[in-house]
């Protein structure tokens, strides 16, 4: 998988595969975790969910949960009920953890639908926002608590 353009940021680890067509890297000294998906079929989505659940389970209670879910490389991205259900499941994990979740998508009709879904998923503990640029997503996460 091609590494995102993160030269301005502290890339703690290289992209590492964590499931078929799902990679993860750590930014900012491990304060931000970035998941990148290359497809949206059930095997990929299930692998992504398992990988995110593992990170949630092990996240320190005294650190804000800062994460990027990068779908920008997914061809034929669709907001299926399966993806929505899995996303809502992930959003419900560790409700005591404050933080932010950035979604990175390409500009599309699907992106607009995702934006509407994020508005409906109002959560006072972990804010969610959609971006078309990984750089902007990272900067937004880094600004948490400032």
C-alpha atoms as a PDB file:
ATOM      1  CA  UNK A   1       0.000   0.000   0.000  1.00  0.00           C
ATOM      2  CA  UNK A   2       1.271   3.421  -0.875  1.00  0.00           C
ATOM      3  CA  UNK A   3       2.037   5.521   2.171  1.00  0.00           C
ATOM      4  CA  UNK A   4      -0.045   8.691   2.483  1.00  0.00           C
ATOM      5  CA  UNK A   5       1.719  12.017   2.208  1.00  0.00           C
ATOM      6  CA  UNK A   6       2.514  12.624   5.861  1.00  0.00           C
ATOM      7  CA  UNK A   7       5.963  14.177   5.564  1.00  0.00           C
ATOM      8  CA  UNK A   8       4.945  17.130   7.782  1.00  0.00           C
ATOM      9  CA  UNK A   9       3.775  14.794  10.543  1.00  0.00           C
ATOM     10  CA  UNK A  10       5.482  12.433  12.957  1.00  0.00           C
ATOM     11  CA  UNK A  11       4.819   9.058  11.335  1.00  0.00           C
ATOM     12  CA  UNK A  12       5.584   6.691  14.201  1.00  0.00           C
ATOM     13  CA  UNK A  13       5.231   3.489  12.170  1.00  0.00           C
ATOM     14  CA  UNK A  14       4.971   2.574   8.517  1.00  0.00           C
ATOM     15  CA  UNK A  15       1.672   1.302   7.176  1.00  0.00           C
ATOM     16  CA  UNK A  16       1.332  -2.274   8.397  1.00  0.00           C
ATOM     17  CA  UNK A  17      -1.265  -4.782   7.172  1.00  0.00           C
ATOM     18  CA  UNK A  18      -3.712  -5.760   9.925  1.00  0.00           C
ATOM     19  CA  UNK A  19      -6.287  -7.597   7.798  1.00  0.00           C
ATOM     20  CA  UNK A  20      -6.824  -8.305   4.094  1.00  0.00           C
ATOM     21  CA  UNK A  21      -6.736  -4.916   2.349  1.00  0.00           C
ATOM     22  CA  UNK A  22      -6.651  -3.034   5.676  1.00  0.00           C
ATOM     23  CA  UNK A  23      -3.546  -1.245   6.954  1.00  0.00           C
ATOM     24  CA  UNK A  24      -2.735   0.702  10.080  1.00  0.00           C
ATOM     25  CA  UNK A  25      -0.092   3.216  11.056  1.00  0.00           C
ATOM     26  CA  UNK A  26       0.581   5.339  14.103  1.00  0.00           C
ATOM     27  CA  UNK A  27       1.127   9.089  13.984  1.00  0.00           C
ATOM     28  CA  UNK A  28       2.292  11.687  16.459  1.00  0.00           C
ATOM     29  CA  UNK A  29       4.202   9.355  18.744  1.00  0.00           C
ATOM     30  CA  UNK A  30       1.328   6.870  18.875  1.00  0.00           C
ATOM     31  CA  UNK A  31      -1.324   9.444  19.797  1.00  0.00           C
ATOM     32  CA  UNK A  32      -3.221   8.972  16.504  1.00  0.00           C
ATOM     33  CA  UNK A  33      -4.062   5.673  14.844  1.00  0.00           C
ATOM     34  CA  UNK A  34      -4.799   5.629  11.115  1.00  0.00           C
ATOM     35  CA  UNK A  35      -6.688   2.807   9.416  1.00  0.00           C
ATOM     36  CA  UNK A  36      -6.709   2.656   5.624  1.00  0.00           C
ATOM     37  CA  UNK A  37      -9.082   0.416   3.665  1.00  0.00           C
ATOM     38  CA  UNK A  38      -8.737  -0.560   0.023  1.00  0.00           C
ATOM     39  CA  UNK A  39     -12.189  -2.128  -0.449  1.00  0.00           C
ATOM     40  CA  UNK A  40     -15.563  -2.422   1.249  1.00  0.00           C
ATOM     41  CA  UNK A  41     -16.502  -6.078   0.829  1.00  0.00           C
ATOM     42  CA  UNK A  42     -17.554  -7.920   4.001  1.00  0.00           C
ATOM     43  CA  UNK A  43     -14.180  -9.626   4.532  1.00  0.00           C
ATOM     44  CA  UNK A  44     -12.415  -6.255   4.469  1.00  0.00           C
ATOM     45  CA  UNK A  45     -15.006  -4.549   6.676  1.00  0.00           C
ATOM     46  CA  UNK A  46     -14.889  -7.420   9.188  1.00  0.00           C
ATOM     47  CA  UNK A  47     -11.078  -7.255   9.290  1.00  0.00           C
ATOM     48  CA  UNK A  48     -11.199  -3.501   9.786  1.00  0.00           C
ATOM     49  CA  UNK A  49     -13.735  -3.810  12.624  1.00  0.00           C
ATOM     50  CA  UNK A  50     -11.621  -6.452  14.367  1.00  0.00           C
ATOM     51  CA  UNK A  51      -8.488  -4.286  14.071  1.00  0.00           C
ATOM     52  CA  UNK A  52     -10.262  -1.170  15.406  1.00  0.00           C
ATOM     53  CA  UNK A  53     -11.832  -3.168  18.256  1.00  0.00           C
ATOM     54  CA  UNK A  54      -8.364  -4.368  19.289  1.00  0.00           C
ATOM     55  CA  UNK A  55      -7.036  -0.811  19.399  1.00  0.00           C
ATOM     56  CA  UNK A  56     -10.081   0.367  21.363  1.00  0.00           C
ATOM     57  CA  UNK A  57      -9.647  -2.453  23.865  1.00  0.00           C
ATOM     58  CA  UNK A  58      -6.020  -1.522  24.500  1.00  0.00           C
ATOM     59  CA  UNK A  59      -6.321   2.276  24.361  1.00  0.00           C
ATOM     60  CA  UNK A  60      -5.153   3.985  27.598  1.00  0.00           C
ATOM     61  CA  UNK A  61      -8.072   5.400  29.585  1.00  0.00           C
ATOM     62  CA  UNK A  62      -6.181   8.657  30.203  1.00  0.00           C
ATOM     63  CA  UNK A  63      -5.551   9.401  26.501  1.00  0.00           C
ATOM     64  CA  UNK A  64      -8.090  10.823  24.016  1.00  0.00           C
ATOM     65  CA  UNK A  65      -8.972   8.355  21.261  1.00  0.00           C
ATOM     66  CA  UNK A  66      -7.811  10.018  18.039  1.00  0.00           C
ATOM     67  CA  UNK A  67      -8.304   8.033  14.858  1.00  0.00           C
ATOM     68  CA  UNK A  68      -8.533   8.268  11.095  1.00  0.00           C
ATOM     69  CA  UNK A  69     -10.677   5.903   9.070  1.00  0.00           C
ATOM     70  CA  UNK A  70      -9.423   6.341   5.510  1.00  0.00           C
ATOM     71  CA  UNK A  71     -11.794   5.112   2.791  1.00  0.00           C
ATOM     72  CA  UNK A  72     -10.293   7.319   0.063  1.00  0.00           C
ATOM     73  CA  UNK A  73      -8.758   4.381  -1.809  1.00  0.00           C
ATOM     74  CA  UNK A  74     -11.958   2.324  -1.918  1.00  0.00           C
ATOM     75  CA  UNK A  75     -13.342   1.879  -5.413  1.00  0.00           C
ATOM     76  CA  UNK A  76     -17.128   1.791  -5.568  1.00  0.00           C
ATOM     77  CA  UNK A  77     -17.584   3.044  -2.031  1.00  0.00           C
ATOM     78  CA  UNK A  78     -21.184   2.690  -0.941  1.00  0.00           C
ATOM     79  CA  UNK A  79     -22.867   3.386   2.352  1.00  0.00           C
ATOM     80  CA  UNK A  80     -24.364  -0.065   2.815  1.00  0.00           C
ATOM     81  CA  UNK A  81     -26.412  -1.087   5.845  1.00  0.00           C
ATOM     82  CA  UNK A  82     -23.592  -3.506   6.741  1.00  0.00           C
ATOM     83  CA  UNK A  83     -21.011  -0.709   6.849  1.00  0.00           C
ATOM     84  CA  UNK A  84     -23.407   1.594   8.730  1.00  0.00           C
ATOM     85  CA  UNK A  85     -24.092  -1.101  11.345  1.00  0.00           C
ATOM     86  CA  UNK A  86     -20.392  -1.833  11.798  1.00  0.00           C
ATOM     87  CA  UNK A  87     -19.595   1.879  12.059  1.00  0.00           C
ATOM     88  CA  UNK A  88     -22.295   2.367  14.693  1.00  0.00           C
ATOM     89  CA  UNK A  89     -20.930  -0.640  16.590  1.00  0.00           C
ATOM     90  CA  UNK A  90     -17.435   0.878  16.613  1.00  0.00           C
ATOM     91  CA  UNK A  91     -18.822   4.268  17.673  1.00  0.00           C
ATOM     92  CA  UNK A  92     -20.457   2.619  20.710  1.00  0.00           C
ATOM     93  CA  UNK A  93     -17.215   1.099  22.042  1.00  0.00           C
ATOM     94  CA  UNK A  94     -15.584   2.589  25.134  1.00  0.00           C
ATOM     95  CA  UNK A  95     -18.054   5.475  25.480  1.00  0.00           C
ATOM     96  CA  UNK A  96     -16.013   6.843  28.395  1.00  0.00           C
ATOM     97  CA  UNK A  97     -13.109   7.690  26.061  1.00  0.00           C
ATOM     98  CA  UNK A  98     -13.165  11.245  24.748  1.00  0.00           C
ATOM     99  CA  UNK A  99     -11.584  12.001  21.398  1.00  0.00           C
ATOM    100  CA  UNK A 100     -12.137  12.507  17.692  1.00  0.00           C
ATOM    101  CA  UNK A 101     -12.694  10.311  14.670  1.00  0.00           C
ATOM    102  CA  UNK A 102     -11.802  11.617  11.210  1.00  0.00           C
ATOM    103  CA  UNK A 103     -13.154   9.941   8.088  1.00  0.00           C
ATOM    104  CA  UNK A 104     -11.281  10.529   4.847  1.00  0.00           C
ATOM    105  CA  UNK A 105     -13.223  10.042   1.634  1.00  0.00           C
ATOM    106  CA  UNK A 106     -13.072  11.130  -1.976  1.00  0.00           C
ATOM    107  CA  UNK A 107     -15.552  13.773  -3.085  1.00  0.00           C
ATOM    108  CA  UNK A 108     -18.696  11.944  -4.164  1.00  0.00           C
ATOM    109  CA  UNK A 109     -22.408  11.547  -3.594  1.00  0.00           C
ATOM    110  CA  UNK A 110     -21.550   8.828  -1.064  1.00  0.00           C
ATOM    111  CA  UNK A 111     -19.401  11.306   0.852  1.00  0.00           C
ATOM    112  CA  UNK A 112     -22.400  13.600   1.197  1.00  0.00           C
ATOM    113  CA  UNK A 113     -24.482  10.701   2.546  1.00  0.00           C
ATOM    114  CA  UNK A 114     -21.722   9.900   5.033  1.00  0.00           C
ATOM    115  CA  UNK A 115     -21.652  13.526   6.129  1.00  0.00           C
ATOM    116  CA  UNK A 116     -25.390  13.377   6.869  1.00  0.00           C
ATOM    117  CA  UNK A 117     -24.935  10.135   8.815  1.00  0.00           C
ATOM    118  CA  UNK A 118     -22.192  11.710  10.929  1.00  0.00           C
ATOM    119  CA  UNK A 119     -24.511  14.590  11.800  1.00  0.00           C
ATOM    120  CA  UNK A 120     -27.118  12.064  12.972  1.00  0.00           C
ATOM    121  CA  UNK A 121     -24.519  10.206  15.084  1.00  0.00           C
ATOM    122  CA  UNK A 122     -24.171  13.116  17.493  1.00  0.00           C
ATOM    123  CA  UNK A 123     -21.816  12.053  20.285  1.00  0.00           C
ATOM    124  CA  UNK A 124     -20.646  14.475  22.929  1.00  0.00           C
ATOM    125  CA  UNK A 125     -17.597  12.381  23.898  1.00  0.00           C
ATOM    126  CA  UNK A 126     -16.077  11.707  20.460  1.00  0.00           C
ATOM    127  CA  UNK A 127     -16.619  14.180  17.676  1.00  0.00           C
ATOM    128  CA  UNK A 128     -16.684  12.832  14.118  1.00  0.00           C
ATOM    129  CA  UNK A 129     -15.863  14.772  10.991  1.00  0.00           C
ATOM    130  CA  UNK A 130     -15.364  13.959   7.336  1.00  0.00           C
ATOM    131  CA  UNK A 131     -12.438  15.224   5.266  1.00  0.00           C
ATOM    132  CA  UNK A 132     -11.344  15.016   1.646  1.00  0.00           C
ATOM    133  CA  UNK A 133      -7.691  15.442   2.639  1.00  0.00           C
ATOM    134  CA  UNK A 134      -5.639  13.301   5.022  1.00  0.00           C
ATOM    135  CA  UNK A 135      -3.542  16.352   5.897  1.00  0.00           C
ATOM    136  CA  UNK A 136      -6.609  18.261   7.109  1.00  0.00           C
ATOM    137  CA  UNK A 137      -7.816  15.232   9.082  1.00  0.00           C
ATOM    138  CA  UNK A 138      -4.472  14.896  10.855  1.00  0.00           C
ATOM    139  CA  UNK A 139      -4.323  18.609  11.670  1.00  0.00           C
ATOM    140  CA  UNK A 140      -7.862  18.470  13.108  1.00  0.00           C
ATOM    141  CA  UNK A 141      -6.922  15.513  15.299  1.00  0.00           C
ATOM    142  CA  UNK A 142      -3.717  17.167  16.460  1.00  0.00           C
ATOM    143  CA  UNK A 143      -5.685  20.274  17.487  1.00  0.00           C
ATOM    144  CA  UNK A 144      -7.763  18.244  19.968  1.00  0.00           C
ATOM    145  CA  UNK A 145      -7.582  19.737  23.429  1.00  0.00           C
ATOM    146  CA  UNK A 146      -5.840  22.936  22.359  1.00  0.00           C
END
